[in-house]
Structure formats: structure tokens, C-alpha cells
Amino acid sequence: MVVCILIGAAAQAGSALFLQSLIDTYILPMVGESNPDWAPLLRAISLMGCLYMAGIVTSWAWQWLIITVEQGTLKKIRDDMFAHQQKL
């Protein structure tokens, strides 16, 4: 659970920093060129996509874990309550 939180937080923080680096390092130098080389920009964008995908997957995993624990707890409470009511 903690791993999902840490990876998700790192993905959020890293995406903002990576976006700044993407603009400063790849996009702005290409503005004045007549024949720009797109390969480094495409590699950087695909790396950024992987970073976003890691954030999405860990966020989904975190939510799935929370829902699983929550539903299990509710079932146990309901079962205990039903068993207690049957004794009455």
C-alpha cells in the first residue's frame, strides 16, 4: 500500500518537473530551427507517457486495495451483526 502511495506521489511530482525539462530542453530549442530533429522530443514524450502510466497504475492499485479492505470490513461487520441478531 505504501509503495503505491510513494510511486504515485513521485509520478505526480516528477511529471511537473519533467514537463519543465521537456519545454526548456526539447521544445524551445526547436522553435527557430528550419529542419528540427524530432527523435529526442519523441523519446522524451514517450518517457513522460510511461511516467504518467506508472502514476495511473499505482493510483488504480491503491484504490483497488482500499476498496477490497473496505468491502471485507463491511462484510465482517454485517456477518457479526447477523450472527448476533440470530441469537436474540
Protein backbone atom coordinates (compact mmCIF):
# COMPACT_ATOMS: atom_id res chain seq x y z
CA MET A 1 0.00 0.00 0.00
CA VAL A 2 2.73 2.41 0.97
CA VAL A 3 4.61 1.61 -2.22
CA CYS A 4 1.60 2.68 -4.29
CA ILE A 5 1.40 5.98 -2.43
CA LEU A 6 5.11 6.67 -2.86
CA ILE A 7 5.18 5.80 -6.55
CA GLY A 8 2.02 7.84 -7.20
CA ALA A 9 3.44 10.86 -5.37
CA ALA A 10 6.75 10.53 -7.22
CA ALA A 11 4.90 10.32 -10.54
CA GLN A 12 2.93 13.48 -9.77
CA ALA A 13 5.99 15.43 -8.67
CA GLY A 14 8.12 14.03 -11.46
CA SER A 15 5.59 14.90 -14.14
CA ALA A 16 5.68 18.60 -13.24
CA LEU A 17 9.48 18.65 -13.21
CA PHE A 18 9.65 16.59 -16.39
CA LEU A 19 7.26 18.95 -18.17
CA GLN A 20 9.52 21.90 -17.34
CA SER A 21 12.55 20.00 -18.62
CA LEU A 22 10.64 18.94 -21.73
CA ILE A 23 9.82 22.52 -22.64
CA ASP A 24 13.21 24.01 -21.78
CA THR A 25 15.40 21.27 -23.23
CA TYR A 26 13.47 19.97 -26.23
CA ILE A 27 10.71 22.32 -27.37
CA LEU A 28 12.22 25.80 -27.04
CA PRO A 29 15.47 24.96 -28.93
CA MET A 30 13.39 23.57 -31.81
CA VAL A 31 11.32 26.75 -32.25
CA GLY A 32 13.77 28.60 -34.51
CA GLU A 33 15.07 25.64 -36.49
CA SER A 34 14.00 25.13 -40.08
CA ASN A 35 14.50 21.35 -40.01
CA PRO A 36 14.18 20.18 -36.38
CA ASP A 37 15.14 16.71 -35.19
CA TRP A 38 12.00 15.22 -33.63
CA ALA A 39 13.58 11.98 -32.32
CA PRO A 40 14.78 13.33 -28.94
CA LEU A 41 11.42 15.04 -28.35
CA LEU A 42 9.50 11.86 -29.18
CA ARG A 43 11.71 9.83 -26.82
CA ALA A 44 11.13 12.36 -24.05
CA ILE A 45 7.36 12.38 -24.66
CA SER A 46 7.24 8.57 -24.59
CA LEU A 47 9.21 8.61 -21.31
CA MET A 48 6.74 11.13 -19.94
CA GLY A 49 3.89 8.87 -21.04
CA CYS A 50 5.49 5.99 -19.12
CA LEU A 51 5.72 8.22 -16.05
CA TYR A 52 2.03 9.10 -16.34
CA MET A 53 1.16 5.43 -16.89
CA ALA A 54 3.04 4.46 -13.73
CA GLY A 55 1.03 7.07 -11.82
CA ILE A 56 -2.24 5.77 -13.27
CA VAL A 57 -1.44 2.13 -12.48
CA THR A 58 -0.36 2.85 -8.90
CA SER A 59 -3.39 5.06 -8.32
CA TRP A 60 -5.66 2.28 -9.59
CA ALA A 61 -3.87 -0.31 -7.43
CA TRP A 62 -4.18 1.91 -4.36
CA GLN A 63 -7.90 2.43 -4.92
CA TRP A 64 -8.44 -1.29 -5.54
CA LEU A 65 -6.65 -2.17 -2.29
CA ILE A 66 -8.68 0.36 -0.31
CA ILE A 67 -11.96 -0.89 -1.80
CA THR A 68 -11.03 -4.52 -1.11
CA VAL A 69 -10.20 -3.79 2.53
CA GLU A 70 -13.32 -1.66 2.95
CA GLN A 71 -15.65 -4.27 1.50
CA GLY A 72 -14.06 -7.03 3.59
CA THR A 73 -14.51 -4.98 6.75
CA LEU A 74 -18.13 -4.23 5.95
CA LYS A 75 -18.83 -7.91 5.28
CA LYS A 76 -17.31 -8.91 8.61
CA ILE A 77 -19.38 -6.30 10.46
CA ARG A 78 -22.56 -7.45 8.69
CA ASP A 79 -21.84 -11.11 9.41
CA ASP A 80 -21.17 -10.38 13.09
CA MET A 81 -24.34 -8.31 13.35
CA PHE A 82 -26.41 -11.01 11.63
CA ALA A 83 -24.99 -13.71 13.93
CA HIS A 84 -25.76 -11.56 16.97
CA GLN A 85 -29.33 -10.92 15.79
CA GLN A 86 -29.87 -14.64 15.24
CA LYS A 87 -29.00 -15.26 18.90
CA LEU A 88 -31.71 -12.83 20.06
